[in-house]
Protein backbone atom coordinates (compact mmCIF):
# COMPACT_ATOMS: atom_id res chain seq x y z
CA MET A 1 -9.33 165.74 51.49
CA LEU A 2 -6.35 163.49 52.82
CA ASN A 3 -6.41 160.00 51.74
CA LYS A 4 -6.23 156.77 53.73
CA MET A 5 -2.62 156.50 52.78
CA THR A 6 -2.03 160.01 53.35
CA ILE A 7 -3.15 159.90 56.75
CA ILE A 8 -1.10 156.64 58.00
CA LEU A 9 2.12 158.21 56.38
CA LEU A 10 1.54 161.29 58.78
CA VAL A 11 0.88 158.82 61.71
CA LEU A 12 4.26 157.42 60.97
CA LEU A 13 5.94 160.55 60.38
CA LEU A 14 4.81 162.37 63.67
CA THR A 15 5.18 158.63 65.82
CA PHE A 16 8.69 157.48 64.23
CA PRO A 17 11.66 158.24 66.92
CA LEU A 18 14.36 160.69 65.61
CA SER A 19 17.36 159.19 63.75
CA LEU A 20 19.99 158.32 66.50
CA SER A 21 22.14 161.27 65.10
CA ALA A 22 19.70 164.00 66.37
CA GLN A 23 18.41 162.00 69.51
CA SER A 24 19.05 163.30 72.77
CA LEU A 25 21.81 160.13 74.38
CA THR A 26 22.11 159.53 77.76
CA ALA A 27 25.88 159.23 78.96
CA ALA A 28 26.25 155.09 78.65
CA GLN A 29 24.72 155.67 75.18
CA VAL A 30 27.46 158.12 74.29
CA GLU A 31 29.93 156.07 75.66
CA GLN A 32 28.74 153.01 73.21
CA GLU A 33 28.37 155.43 70.27
CA LYS A 34 31.86 156.17 70.67
CA LEU A 35 33.28 152.90 70.31
CA VAL A 36 31.32 152.46 67.40
CA LEU A 37 32.65 155.67 65.87
CA ALA A 38 36.34 154.91 66.99
CA ALA A 39 36.46 151.70 65.13
CA GLN A 40 35.02 153.15 62.18
CA TRP A 41 37.37 155.90 62.38
CA LYS A 42 40.66 153.59 62.77
CA LYS A 43 39.33 151.63 59.71
CA ASP A 44 39.02 154.77 57.54
CA ILE A 45 42.21 155.89 58.81
CA LYS A 46 43.96 152.46 57.65
CA ASP A 47 42.12 152.68 54.17
CA ARG A 48 42.76 156.65 53.48
CA TYR A 49 47.02 156.35 54.68
CA GLN A 50 47.31 152.63 53.37
CA GLN A 51 49.78 153.82 50.70
CA ALA A 52 51.41 156.06 53.06
CA TRP A 53 51.78 153.56 55.92
CA GLN A 54 53.42 150.64 53.25
CA ASN A 55 55.69 152.74 51.38
CA LEU A 56 56.57 154.89 55.24
CA THR A 57 56.31 158.33 53.46
CA LEU A 58 53.86 160.93 54.46
CA SER A 59 52.77 162.67 51.06
CA ILE A 60 51.02 166.49 51.53
CA ASP A 61 50.55 169.10 48.64
CA GLY A 62 53.70 167.93 46.79
CA LYS A 63 55.96 167.37 49.81
CA ASN A 64 57.08 164.17 50.98
CA MET A 65 57.79 163.22 54.74
CA PRO A 66 59.69 159.87 54.76
CA PHE A 67 59.54 158.50 58.19
CA TRP A 68 60.88 155.28 60.35
CA TYR A 69 59.92 153.83 63.42
CA ILE A 70 60.57 151.11 65.81
CA THR A 71 58.41 149.34 68.84
CA TYR A 72 60.49 149.42 72.03
CA GLY A 73 59.09 146.75 74.81
CA THR A 74 55.65 145.53 75.49
CA GLN A 75 52.04 147.23 74.87
CA PRO A 76 50.85 148.59 77.76
CA ALA A 77 47.07 148.22 79.11
CA ASP A 78 46.36 151.54 78.10
CA GLY A 79 48.56 151.43 74.78
CA TYR A 80 51.97 152.67 73.52
CA SER A 81 53.31 155.91 73.80
CA LEU A 82 54.60 157.51 70.88
CA PHE A 83 57.55 159.50 70.63
CA ILE A 84 58.62 161.86 67.13
CA SER A 85 61.97 162.67 67.35
CA LEU A 86 62.64 165.32 65.01
CA HIS A 87 66.19 165.22 63.54
CA GLY A 88 69.00 168.11 63.43
CA GLY A 89 70.36 169.84 60.31
CA GLY A 90 69.10 172.71 58.85
CA ASN A 91 69.55 174.97 55.81
CA ALA A 92 72.53 172.40 54.17
CA PRO A 93 72.55 169.73 51.40
CA ALA A 94 70.31 167.14 51.43
CA GLN A 95 73.17 164.52 52.44
CA LEU A 96 73.60 166.07 55.32
CA ASN A 97 70.16 166.06 56.75
CA ASP A 98 69.77 162.61 55.46
CA SER A 99 72.83 161.64 57.80
CA GLN A 100 70.99 163.34 60.99
CA TRP A 101 67.98 161.76 60.18
CA GLU A 102 70.06 158.23 60.38
CA ASN A 103 71.46 159.17 63.52
CA GLN A 104 68.31 160.30 65.17
CA LYS A 105 66.95 156.73 64.44
CA LYS A 106 69.20 155.24 66.88
CA LEU A 107 69.45 158.28 69.30
CA TYR A 108 66.69 157.35 71.95
CA HIS A 109 64.92 154.04 73.07
CA PRO A 110 62.10 154.99 74.93
CA ALA A 111 60.38 152.33 77.23
CA ASN A 112 57.14 150.37 75.65
CA SER A 113 57.18 153.51 73.13
CA VAL A 114 56.65 153.91 69.31
CA TYR A 115 59.72 155.63 68.43
CA LEU A 116 59.30 157.43 65.18
CA ALA A 117 61.70 159.92 63.37
CA PRO A 118 60.51 161.43 60.42
CA ARG A 119 62.86 163.20 57.91
CA ALA A 120 61.93 166.75 57.34
CA PRO A 121 59.97 167.27 54.51
CA TYR A 122 62.84 170.52 53.68
CA ASP A 123 66.27 171.10 53.61
CA ASP A 124 66.10 174.44 55.31
CA TRP A 125 66.93 176.28 58.85
CA ASP A 126 62.97 176.00 59.64
CA MET A 127 62.63 172.40 58.33
CA TRP A 128 60.48 171.33 61.50
CA PHE A 129 57.78 174.58 61.68
CA LYS A 130 57.03 175.59 58.50
CA PRO A 131 53.36 176.34 57.87
CA ASP A 132 52.26 172.95 56.63
CA LEU A 133 54.18 170.92 59.36
CA ASP A 134 51.06 170.92 61.43
CA ARG A 135 49.19 168.60 59.11
CA PHE A 136 52.16 166.55 58.81
CA TYR A 137 52.46 165.85 62.62
CA ALA A 138 48.70 165.67 63.22
CA GLU A 139 48.36 162.83 60.24
CA LEU A 140 51.58 161.10 61.55
CA ILE A 141 49.60 160.48 64.91
CA GLN A 142 46.51 159.78 63.36
CA MET A 143 48.55 156.40 61.16
CA CYS A 144 50.09 155.48 64.48
CA VAL A 145 46.76 155.48 66.69
CA ALA A 146 45.17 153.43 63.94
CA ASN A 147 47.92 151.13 62.85
CA LEU A 148 49.93 150.83 66.49
CA ASN A 149 47.52 151.09 69.32
CA VAL A 150 48.76 154.52 69.99
CA ASN A 151 47.36 155.67 72.84
CA PRO A 152 46.41 159.86 71.54
CA ASP A 153 47.20 160.75 75.21
CA LYS A 154 50.51 159.82 75.39
CA VAL A 155 52.15 161.49 72.31
CA TYR A 156 55.72 163.13 73.14
CA LEU A 157 57.61 165.79 70.66
CA ILE A 158 61.19 165.64 70.92
CA GLY A 159 63.88 166.94 68.56
CA TYR A 160 67.74 167.84 68.66
CA SER A 161 69.34 170.96 67.38
CA ALA A 162 67.31 171.93 64.28
CA GLY A 163 64.47 169.28 65.92
CA GLY A 164 65.12 171.17 68.83
CA ASP A 165 64.29 174.46 66.91
CA GLY A 166 60.85 172.96 66.01
CA VAL A 167 60.11 171.60 69.04
CA TRP A 168 60.48 175.34 70.46
CA ARG A 169 57.50 176.55 67.91
CA MET A 170 55.10 172.96 67.42
CA ALA A 171 55.16 172.63 71.04
CA PRO A 172 52.83 175.71 71.76
CA ARG A 173 51.31 175.98 68.53
CA MET A 174 49.68 172.34 68.72
CA ALA A 175 50.07 172.05 72.63
CA ASP A 176 46.50 170.61 73.00
CA THR A 177 48.10 167.73 70.82
CA TRP A 178 50.85 166.74 73.13
CA ALA A 179 51.43 164.90 76.36
CA GLY A 180 54.79 166.70 77.03
CA ALA A 181 57.64 167.99 74.86
CA SER A 182 61.66 168.19 75.15
CA MET A 183 63.46 170.37 73.43
CA MET A 184 67.07 169.36 72.99
CA ALA A 185 70.14 172.14 71.79
CA GLY A 186 67.72 174.13 69.64
CA HIS A 187 66.95 178.26 69.30
CA PRO A 188 63.68 179.46 70.47
CA GLY A 189 63.75 182.56 68.19
CA ASP A 190 60.95 184.68 69.21
CA VAL A 191 58.12 182.01 70.27
CA SER A 192 55.41 182.61 72.79
CA LEU A 193 55.48 179.77 75.31
CA ILE A 194 51.91 180.87 77.07
CA ASN A 195 49.91 177.71 75.61
CA LEU A 196 52.77 175.54 77.34
CA ARG A 197 50.27 176.00 80.25
CA ASN A 198 49.15 172.42 80.47
CA THR A 199 51.58 170.94 78.67
CA PRO A 200 55.09 169.44 80.42
CA PHE A 201 58.18 171.01 79.04
CA MET A 202 61.72 170.59 79.18
CA VAL A 203 64.74 172.57 77.74
CA TRP A 204 68.16 170.83 77.30
CA CYS A 205 71.21 173.00 76.06
CA GLY A 206 74.66 172.17 76.92
CA ALA A 207 76.20 175.80 79.06
CA LEU A 208 78.84 175.61 76.09
CA ASP A 209 76.60 175.69 72.88
CA ASP A 210 77.17 179.55 72.23
CA ALA A 211 76.45 179.35 68.94
CA TYR A 212 73.69 181.57 67.93
CA ASN A 213 73.72 182.28 71.93
CA ARG A 214 71.72 179.27 72.40
CA ASN A 215 72.62 178.58 76.00
CA GLN A 216 71.93 182.04 76.97
CA GLU A 217 68.42 181.83 74.75
CA CYS A 218 67.64 178.72 76.26
CA ALA A 219 68.41 179.59 79.99
CA ARG A 220 66.64 182.79 79.33
CA ARG A 221 63.26 180.85 78.32
CA GLY A 222 63.74 178.38 81.40
CA LEU A 223 63.56 181.99 83.66
CA GLU A 224 60.30 183.03 81.77
CA LEU A 225 58.87 179.37 82.10
CA ASP A 226 59.43 179.87 86.02
CA SER A 227 57.74 183.10 86.00
CA LEU A 228 54.92 181.93 84.09
CA GLN A 229 54.31 179.10 86.92
CA GLN A 230 55.07 181.24 89.84
CA ALA A 231 52.02 183.14 88.67
CA ASP A 232 49.99 180.16 87.90
CA PRO A 233 51.26 177.00 90.06
CA GLN A 234 49.17 174.65 88.70
CA GLY A 235 50.46 175.30 85.62
CA TYR A 236 53.66 175.13 83.43
CA LEU A 237 55.12 172.42 84.42
CA HIS A 238 58.54 172.20 83.17
CA GLN A 239 62.37 171.62 83.88
CA THR A 240 65.45 173.64 82.40
CA HIS A 241 68.69 171.61 82.17
CA ILE A 242 71.52 174.32 81.27
CA VAL A 243 74.16 171.08 81.22
CA GLU A 244 77.80 172.51 83.11
CA GLY A 245 80.43 171.62 80.59
CA LYS A 246 78.75 170.27 77.41
CA PRO A 247 78.92 171.88 74.49
CA HIS A 248 76.31 171.57 71.04
CA TRP A 249 76.29 167.95 72.09
CA MET A 250 75.69 166.82 75.45
CA ASP A 251 76.56 163.11 75.39
CA LEU A 252 72.91 161.94 75.85
CA GLU A 253 72.47 163.74 79.09
CA ASP A 254 69.28 164.79 77.38
CA ALA A 255 67.72 161.25 77.59
CA ALA A 256 66.77 161.34 80.75
CA ALA A 257 64.01 163.46 79.36
CA LEU A 258 62.31 160.78 78.00
CA PRO A 259 61.09 158.66 81.27
CA TRP A 260 60.66 162.29 82.76
CA LEU A 261 57.96 162.84 80.20
CA GLN A 262 56.46 159.58 80.29
CA GLN A 263 55.32 160.33 83.60
CA TYR A 264 52.88 162.46 82.14
CA LYS A 265 49.79 162.14 80.13
CA ARG A 266 48.31 164.48 78.09
CA ASN A 267 44.57 165.90 80.01
CA PRO A 268 42.42 166.80 77.06
CA TYR A 269 40.08 168.48 79.30
CA PRO A 270 41.81 170.86 81.12
CA THR A 271 39.94 173.26 83.27
CA HIS A 272 42.11 176.17 82.59
CA ILE A 273 43.08 177.11 79.22
CA VAL A 274 45.28 179.56 78.11
CA TRP A 275 45.09 179.74 73.86
CA GLN A 276 47.14 182.24 71.94
CA GLN A 277 47.16 181.92 67.84
CA GLU A 278 50.82 181.40 66.87
CA GLU A 279 52.19 182.31 63.40
CA VAL A 280 49.82 179.31 61.95
CA THR A 281 46.35 179.48 63.41
CA HIS A 282 44.18 176.89 64.15
CA PRO A 283 40.25 177.13 64.87
CA HIS A 284 40.28 174.43 67.61
CA PHE A 285 42.16 174.43 70.90
CA TYR A 286 40.94 171.39 73.81
CA TRP A 287 37.14 171.80 74.02
CA LEU A 288 37.14 175.43 72.29
CA THR A 289 36.58 176.82 68.62
CA ALA A 290 37.14 179.75 67.54
CA PRO A 291 35.55 181.68 64.08
CA ALA A 292 37.58 180.48 61.39
CA ASP A 293 37.22 183.91 59.80
CA GLN A 294 38.48 185.58 62.79
CA LEU A 295 41.72 184.13 63.21
CA ALA A 296 45.02 186.19 63.61
CA ARG A 297 48.40 185.36 65.18
CA GLY A 298 48.13 186.90 69.00
CA LYS A 299 44.63 186.36 69.30
CA THR A 300 43.93 185.00 73.02
CA VAL A 301 41.17 183.16 75.37
CA ARG A 302 41.71 182.72 78.63
CA LEU A 303 39.12 180.60 81.14
CA THR A 304 38.44 178.18 83.70
CA LEU A 305 35.93 175.38 84.36
CA LYS A 306 34.90 174.85 88.11
CA GLY A 307 31.83 172.41 88.29
CA ASN A 308 29.56 173.51 85.67
CA THR A 309 30.58 177.14 85.76
CA ILE A 310 32.58 178.04 82.85
CA ASP A 311 34.54 181.88 83.73
CA ILE A 312 35.96 183.34 80.39
CA SER A 313 38.21 186.20 81.69
CA HIS A 314 39.43 187.21 77.86
CA CYS A 315 38.32 186.49 74.63
CA ASP A 316 39.20 188.46 71.23
CA TYR A 317 36.86 186.58 69.40
CA THR A 318 33.04 187.67 68.74
CA GLN A 319 32.07 183.86 69.29
CA LEU A 320 33.39 181.09 70.87
CA THR A 321 31.86 177.42 70.61
CA LEU A 322 32.39 175.21 73.79
CA HIS A 323 32.57 171.70 73.35
CA PHE A 324 31.30 169.33 76.67
CA ASN A 325 31.41 165.95 77.53
CA ASP A 326 30.40 163.85 81.13
CA GLN A 327 34.23 163.84 82.21
CA MET A 328 34.19 167.47 81.78
CA VAL A 329 30.86 168.69 83.25
CA ASN A 330 27.88 167.13 84.70
CA LEU A 331 25.74 167.13 81.13
CA ASN A 332 22.02 166.13 83.87
CA LYS A 333 22.25 169.65 84.95
CA PRO A 334 22.74 172.84 83.87
CA LEU A 335 25.90 174.90 82.76
CA THR A 336 26.56 178.36 83.47
CA ILE A 337 28.89 180.29 81.07
CA ARG A 338 30.35 183.78 82.50
CA TYR A 339 32.56 186.37 80.49
CA LYS A 340 33.88 189.03 82.74
CA GLY A 341 31.01 188.36 85.42
CA ASP A 342 28.22 188.81 83.01
CA THR A 343 26.11 185.31 82.29
CA LEU A 344 26.06 184.56 79.05
CA PHE A 345 24.10 181.28 79.09
CA ARG A 346 22.53 179.13 81.52
CA GLY A 347 20.94 176.04 80.64
CA LYS A 348 20.86 172.05 80.01
CA LEU A 349 22.75 170.86 76.77
CA GLN A 350 21.83 167.68 75.19
CA ARG A 351 24.41 165.23 74.07
CA THR A 352 23.60 163.70 70.80
CA ALA A 353 25.56 161.60 68.22
CA ALA A 354 25.65 164.55 65.40
CA ASN A 355 27.97 166.42 67.71
CA LEU A 356 30.10 163.02 68.20
CA LYS A 357 30.38 162.69 64.21
CA ALA A 358 31.17 166.33 63.71
CA THR A 359 33.73 166.50 66.17
CA LEU A 360 35.60 163.74 65.60
CA ALA A 361 35.52 164.45 61.70
CA GLN A 362 36.63 168.33 62.51
CA ARG A 363 39.63 166.72 64.81
CA ASN A 364 40.54 163.46 64.06
CA ASP A 365 41.23 162.93 67.68
CA LEU A 366 39.39 160.52 69.31
CA ARG A 367 39.62 162.33 72.55
CA TYR A 368 38.13 165.43 71.09
CA MET A 369 34.95 163.69 70.10
CA PHE A 370 32.16 165.92 71.77
CA PRO A 371 28.49 165.02 72.33
CA ALA A 372 27.40 168.40 73.71
CA GLN A 373 28.11 172.28 72.90
CA VAL A 374 27.40 175.47 72.81
CA THR A 375 28.17 178.81 70.77
CA ILE A 376 28.07 181.91 72.94
CA GLN A 377 28.10 185.76 71.49
CA LEU A 378 30.77 187.58 73.27
CA GLN A 379 30.99 190.85 71.23
CA ARG A 380 28.72 192.50 68.54
CA PRO A 381 30.36 191.67 64.97
């Protein structure tokens, strides 16, 4: 038999509202919660990287990336742009790469921007795109967002020579990070460019820069981007400049890339996504998450969003998680998700603070903080 105190406790449990993290939120409540979470996230990032920021050296798993930055102009109302500028050099003595880093510091002067030149943690030909570099770039950006009021939708990647090699690889590999990228005098290797569907991209190379066939390879990749854009006219915004009469050094004609890039901001919620895993795999891309145990180079997802309907035309995973906010869809109405014409999901999704917190913790990007999500099964495991 229940005593009086037990009955009171049961009544309280049944009538007390759910915690904020489990409650269904309104769109307005989501925006308020995002402000609170963003303020706490910035504080946490400042605390976590305080020593790295003070010492101008980011250390990850025993590797060190010194960095230097300067702020040009005044802060725009929506925050500074950030240019991450990769130096040349490569498989050479450290002193040569150090001198290339010093040169890169003075190379460009973007307006109203933070200009950051890191020193590669390696003295090797692939110094800017080894497997652990993704994390270095991500953490540099986090520090600049937290400490310098950089707008995460105005982050650009540029690089010269070996730095250009890095841009060729890292622009597609982290395409959902960049507002745009410009490659100067680098070699593309075997990189795929299809992830650049929503990332403005520039190619700069001297017409006389024939070492490693850079000039021919850059021209060929420019034609490849032309073909991708012809097949998908709303995507693959790019320009290719093979500069007549110029060898490896282009006398800073390539500096025209910086104002061109600053015309564009990242769209973190594109309505057409082409996602192909590169040599370093990622579980997240824009507003999608793939199963961590199924990631492999070459696996691809293609989908479009129109209104409240998502059409998946290709997916190499057995399941896919799609994240949503009110900037993308109307969360007050049902969503429809189709795979090759078959409806896999139709229904309304709840906005919750728990989703906001979880996605911010996963992505460490203020724009990839989503209040709603759904996981769909596409194939049998």
